[in-house]
Amino acid sequence: MDQKVGIGFGILNKFNSCFDKETGWFLLENDPWVIYFRLFNHKNLPRPSHCHQDFGSPVIFHKNREIIIDPGRSSYLIGSNIESLASNHSIFLINSKPTAPSERDIPIFIEPIKSFKYKIFISGEKIFLFIRFPLSMTNQSRVKYAIRLLIIKNKSIEIIDRIALLKESFIKTRFNFPNQLNPFLRKFNFRVDDQNSQKIIINDDSEYLDIGERALEYNNIENYKTFNLSIKSKKFFGSNLYISE
């Protein structure tokens, strides 16, 4: 495990974090939050991996309670391959594709990839986790940058996405939640190009929620809720997901 993350080492006595460069798994613990996801360098392939298209898709717990989930896959049969695609994770897609290919897309890895960057820093009682997503050659001609910023406080967490475009594109953003949304407040704000920002309150009555199924065990199927928003943008897309007690 490599714990040399963030700016300097003094921050590590504020919270625990680790980054396994071999598999790309990143973990951050800051009571009452636990957050983990995968971040990997496309220049260091092939690598041992479960090969899901889940770069930057967070799994979040608050006091050991699920807040944002990874539905996983129900089996390793060919029919369930779709469950491992980026479209099934808590991430954004640009023209129906992730910002860069994953390990399962290895045949096209000969193309140059614009590398990702990540950084952790603190300010007062807040922890900031910054990710700049890698860009495939195709996306480098369409996307200026795609970033995700997590702001972690004691009683809330915010996920901020910003995508600057060079060409008009379709943006789809998704978050997977447990079936039981309460007692947490969930608000989603978004802005497209020069339009005014819009707010969505995510509750059980939200029109943006769909129902999915995940297999906790092979014989134990459970529902979960998924939030989806699709929109066309010419130059810019920005969103904020705010979750609090």
Protein backbone atom coordinates (compact mmCIF):
# COMPACT_ATOMS: atom_id res chain seq x y z
CA MET A 1 0.00 0.00 0.00
CA ASP A 2 1.20 3.48 -0.83
CA GLN A 3 -0.01 6.14 1.58
CA LYS A 4 1.96 9.00 0.09
CA VAL A 5 -1.06 10.88 -1.16
CA GLY A 6 -2.16 14.48 -0.99
CA ILE A 7 -0.01 17.48 -0.21
CA GLY A 8 2.52 16.53 2.43
CA PHE A 9 2.17 13.88 5.10
CA GLY A 10 0.72 16.02 7.89
CA ILE A 11 -2.79 15.50 6.57
CA LEU A 12 -2.71 11.78 7.24
CA ASN A 13 -3.18 12.23 10.97
CA LYS A 14 -6.55 13.85 10.17
CA PHE A 15 -7.90 10.82 8.30
CA ASN A 16 -6.76 7.49 6.90
CA SER A 17 -6.23 6.99 3.18
CA CYS A 18 -4.42 4.49 1.02
CA PHE A 19 -3.93 3.86 -2.67
CA ASP A 20 -3.02 0.41 -3.99
CA LYS A 21 -1.24 1.21 -7.24
CA GLU A 22 -1.26 -2.41 -8.38
CA THR A 23 -5.05 -2.72 -8.49
CA GLY A 24 -5.98 0.96 -8.54
CA TRP A 25 -8.17 0.80 -5.43
CA PHE A 26 -8.32 3.99 -3.37
CA LEU A 27 -9.75 4.11 0.17
CA LEU A 28 -10.45 7.06 2.45
CA GLU A 29 -11.75 6.79 6.01
CA ASN A 30 -12.81 9.90 7.87
CA ASP A 31 -15.28 9.05 10.64
CA PRO A 32 -18.23 8.76 10.06
CA TRP A 33 -17.48 8.36 6.31
CA VAL A 34 -15.84 5.53 4.36
CA ILE A 35 -15.26 6.13 0.63
CA TYR A 36 -13.57 3.91 -1.91
CA PHE A 37 -13.26 3.69 -5.69
CA ARG A 38 -10.75 2.81 -8.39
CA LEU A 39 -8.15 5.12 -9.91
CA PHE A 40 -5.63 3.57 -12.27
CA ASN A 41 -2.94 4.77 -14.63
CA HIS A 42 -3.65 3.64 -18.19
CA LYS A 43 0.09 3.59 -18.87
CA ASN A 44 0.57 0.69 -16.43
CA LEU A 45 -1.54 -1.96 -18.14
CA PRO A 46 -2.23 -4.81 -18.10
CA ARG A 47 -3.00 -5.07 -14.38
CA PRO A 48 -4.88 -7.57 -12.19
CA SER A 49 -8.44 -6.31 -11.98
CA HIS A 50 -12.08 -7.27 -11.90
CA CYS A 51 -12.29 -5.23 -15.13
CA HIS A 52 -15.39 -3.15 -14.47
CA GLN A 53 -15.67 0.25 -16.16
CA ASP A 54 -15.82 1.95 -12.77
CA PHE A 55 -13.06 4.57 -12.83
CA GLY A 56 -13.97 7.30 -10.32
CA SER A 57 -17.31 5.72 -9.35
CA PRO A 58 -17.50 6.06 -5.54
CA VAL A 59 -18.91 3.66 -2.98
CA ILE A 60 -19.80 5.61 0.16
CA PHE A 61 -20.78 4.56 3.69
CA HIS A 62 -21.88 6.77 6.57
CA LYS A 63 -21.76 5.15 10.01
CA ASN A 64 -21.62 1.76 8.25
CA ARG A 65 -24.77 2.58 6.28
CA GLU A 66 -24.75 2.56 2.48
CA ILE A 67 -25.13 5.98 0.86
CA ILE A 68 -23.90 5.38 -2.71
CA ILE A 69 -23.57 1.78 -3.85
CA ASP A 70 -21.92 -0.32 -6.51
CA PRO A 71 -24.58 -2.77 -7.75
CA GLY A 72 -21.90 -5.25 -8.81
CA ARG A 73 -22.85 -8.06 -11.16
CA SER A 74 -25.24 -10.91 -10.50
CA SER A 75 -23.15 -13.61 -12.20
CA TYR A 76 -20.22 -14.18 -14.55
CA LEU A 77 -22.43 -15.39 -17.38
CA ILE A 78 -22.20 -13.46 -20.66
CA GLY A 79 -25.72 -12.11 -20.18
CA SER A 80 -24.63 -10.13 -17.13
CA ASN A 81 -21.64 -8.41 -18.79
CA ILE A 82 -23.69 -5.23 -19.15
CA GLU A 83 -23.69 -4.91 -15.35
CA SER A 84 -19.95 -4.20 -15.37
CA LEU A 85 -20.13 -1.33 -17.88
CA ALA A 86 -19.72 2.35 -16.98
CA SER A 87 -23.43 2.85 -17.70
CA ASN A 88 -24.17 0.80 -14.57
CA HIS A 89 -21.94 2.84 -12.22
CA SER A 90 -22.14 6.19 -10.39
CA ILE A 91 -20.33 8.16 -13.04
CA PHE A 92 -20.91 10.37 -16.08
CA LEU A 93 -20.77 9.31 -19.71
CA ILE A 94 -19.92 11.47 -22.71
CA ASN A 95 -21.78 10.38 -25.83
CA SER A 96 -22.67 7.10 -24.07
CA LYS A 97 -19.03 6.24 -23.32
CA PRO A 98 -16.65 6.66 -20.35
CA THR A 99 -13.90 9.25 -20.61
CA ALA A 100 -11.32 6.52 -21.31
CA PRO A 101 -11.32 2.73 -21.79
CA SER A 102 -10.83 0.29 -18.94
CA GLU A 103 -8.93 -2.97 -18.71
CA ARG A 104 -11.74 -4.85 -20.43
CA ASP A 105 -11.18 -2.63 -23.49
CA ILE A 106 -7.52 -3.67 -23.82
CA PRO A 107 -7.56 -4.18 -27.64
CA ILE A 108 -7.78 -0.38 -28.16
CA PHE A 109 -5.18 0.56 -25.57
CA ILE A 110 -2.69 1.35 -28.32
CA GLU A 111 -4.26 4.81 -28.49
CA PRO A 112 -2.65 7.53 -26.35
CA ILE A 113 -4.54 8.34 -23.16
CA LYS A 114 -4.38 11.69 -21.39
CA SER A 115 -3.45 10.62 -17.86
CA PHE A 116 -5.60 11.16 -14.78
CA LYS A 117 -4.57 13.20 -11.76
CA TYR A 118 -5.78 13.10 -8.18
CA LYS A 119 -5.00 15.07 -5.06
CA ILE A 120 -6.18 15.25 -1.45
CA PHE A 121 -6.05 18.36 0.71
CA ILE A 122 -7.78 19.76 3.78
CA SER A 123 -9.14 23.12 4.85
CA GLY A 124 -10.44 23.39 8.38
CA GLU A 125 -12.83 20.49 8.95
CA LYS A 126 -13.26 19.75 5.23
CA ILE A 127 -11.45 17.15 3.13
CA PHE A 128 -11.20 17.75 -0.60
CA LEU A 129 -10.55 14.90 -3.03
CA PHE A 130 -9.88 16.03 -6.60
CA ILE A 131 -9.87 13.77 -9.69
CA ARG A 132 -9.10 14.77 -13.27
CA PHE A 133 -10.36 11.98 -15.49
CA PRO A 134 -8.22 10.38 -18.19
CA LEU A 135 -9.28 11.13 -21.77
CA SER A 136 -9.18 8.75 -24.71
CA MET A 137 -7.93 10.00 -28.08
CA THR A 138 -11.56 10.35 -29.23
CA ASN A 139 -12.49 12.40 -26.19
CA GLN A 140 -9.40 14.58 -26.44
CA SER A 141 -10.90 16.03 -29.62
CA ARG A 142 -14.27 16.63 -27.92
CA VAL A 143 -13.49 17.30 -24.25
CA LYS A 144 -11.23 19.93 -22.73
CA TYR A 145 -11.37 18.42 -19.25
CA ALA A 146 -13.60 16.28 -17.02
CA ILE A 147 -13.13 16.54 -13.26
CA ARG A 148 -14.79 15.31 -10.08
CA LEU A 149 -14.35 16.92 -6.66
CA LEU A 150 -15.55 15.35 -3.42
CA ILE A 151 -15.98 17.62 -0.40
CA ILE A 152 -16.27 15.64 2.83
CA LYS A 153 -17.58 17.18 6.04
CA ASN A 154 -18.70 15.60 9.28
CA LYS A 155 -22.42 15.59 8.40
CA SER A 156 -22.42 15.93 4.63
CA ILE A 157 -20.66 15.00 1.43
CA GLU A 158 -20.75 16.76 -1.92
CA ILE A 159 -19.81 15.37 -5.34
CA ILE A 160 -19.07 18.11 -7.87
CA ASP A 161 -18.61 17.26 -11.56
CA ARG A 162 -17.39 19.68 -14.22
CA ILE A 163 -17.06 18.88 -17.93
CA ALA A 164 -15.72 21.45 -20.42
CA LEU A 165 -16.45 20.54 -24.04
CA LEU A 166 -14.80 21.35 -27.34
CA LYS A 167 -17.72 19.93 -29.35
CA GLU A 168 -21.41 19.47 -28.66
CA SER A 169 -21.98 16.23 -26.78
CA PHE A 170 -24.58 14.26 -24.86
CA ILE A 171 -23.86 13.98 -21.15
CA LYS A 172 -25.43 11.30 -18.99
CA THR A 173 -24.82 11.27 -15.25
CA ARG A 174 -25.87 8.50 -12.88
CA PHE A 175 -25.77 7.71 -9.17
CA ASN A 176 -26.76 4.43 -7.52
CA PHE A 177 -28.45 4.59 -4.12
CA PRO A 178 -29.70 1.92 -1.72
CA ASN A 179 -33.42 1.20 -1.86
CA GLN A 180 -33.94 3.05 1.44
CA LEU A 181 -33.19 6.74 0.83
CA ASN A 182 -34.23 8.15 4.20
CA PRO A 183 -33.13 9.69 6.51
CA PHE A 184 -30.55 11.36 4.25
CA LEU A 185 -31.27 14.52 2.28
CA ARG A 186 -30.18 14.34 -1.37
CA LYS A 187 -30.10 17.40 -3.65
CA PHE A 188 -28.81 17.54 -7.20
CA ASN A 189 -28.04 20.86 -8.91
CA PHE A 190 -26.91 21.11 -12.52
CA ARG A 191 -26.12 23.74 -15.12
CA VAL A 192 -25.70 23.45 -18.89
CA ASP A 193 -23.79 26.04 -20.94
CA ASP A 194 -25.05 29.53 -20.12
CA GLN A 195 -28.41 28.41 -18.74
CA ASN A 196 -29.50 29.00 -15.16
CA SER A 197 -28.83 26.22 -12.71
CA GLN A 198 -31.64 23.81 -11.88
CA LYS A 199 -32.30 21.90 -8.65
CA ILE A 200 -33.70 18.41 -8.16
CA ILE A 201 -34.69 17.03 -4.77
CA ILE A 202 -34.04 13.30 -4.84
CA ASN A 203 -36.64 11.43 -2.83
CA ASP A 204 -38.85 8.40 -3.34
CA ASP A 205 -41.21 10.45 -5.53
CA SER A 206 -38.53 11.80 -7.87
CA GLU A 207 -39.27 11.24 -11.56
CA TYR A 208 -35.53 10.83 -12.17
CA LEU A 209 -35.33 7.63 -10.10
CA ASP A 210 -35.50 4.12 -11.52
CA ILE A 211 -35.47 0.76 -9.76
CA GLY A 212 -32.67 -1.72 -10.31
CA GLU A 213 -31.81 -5.13 -8.89
CA ARG A 214 -28.54 -6.28 -7.40
CA ALA A 215 -27.43 -9.65 -6.12
CA LEU A 216 -26.02 -9.43 -2.60
CA GLU A 217 -25.56 -13.16 -2.91
CA TYR A 218 -26.48 -15.38 -5.82
CA ASN A 219 -29.83 -16.26 -4.24
CA ASN A 220 -30.46 -12.92 -2.53
CA ILE A 221 -31.79 -10.23 -4.89
CA GLU A 222 -32.37 -6.71 -3.56
CA ASN A 223 -33.77 -3.58 -5.17
CA TYR A 224 -31.80 -0.35 -5.37
CA LYS A 225 -32.58 3.11 -6.73
CA THR A 226 -30.71 4.77 -9.57
CA PHE A 227 -30.72 8.48 -10.46
CA ASN A 228 -30.25 9.29 -14.15
CA LEU A 229 -30.03 12.59 -16.00
CA SER A 230 -29.29 12.91 -19.74
CA ILE A 231 -28.77 16.24 -21.45
CA LYS A 232 -27.11 17.81 -24.50
CA SER A 233 -24.41 20.43 -24.01
CA LYS A 234 -22.39 22.59 -26.36
CA LYS A 235 -19.65 23.87 -24.07
CA PHE A 236 -20.12 23.07 -20.39
CA PHE A 237 -21.88 20.76 -17.96
CA GLY A 238 -21.66 21.13 -14.20
CA SER A 239 -23.43 19.28 -11.39
CA ASN A 240 -23.42 19.07 -7.60
CA LEU A 241 -24.82 16.12 -5.65
CA TYR A 242 -25.25 17.08 -2.00
CA ILE A 243 -26.00 14.43 0.65
CA SER A 244 -26.46 15.23 4.32
CA GLU A 245 -27.91 13.81 7.50
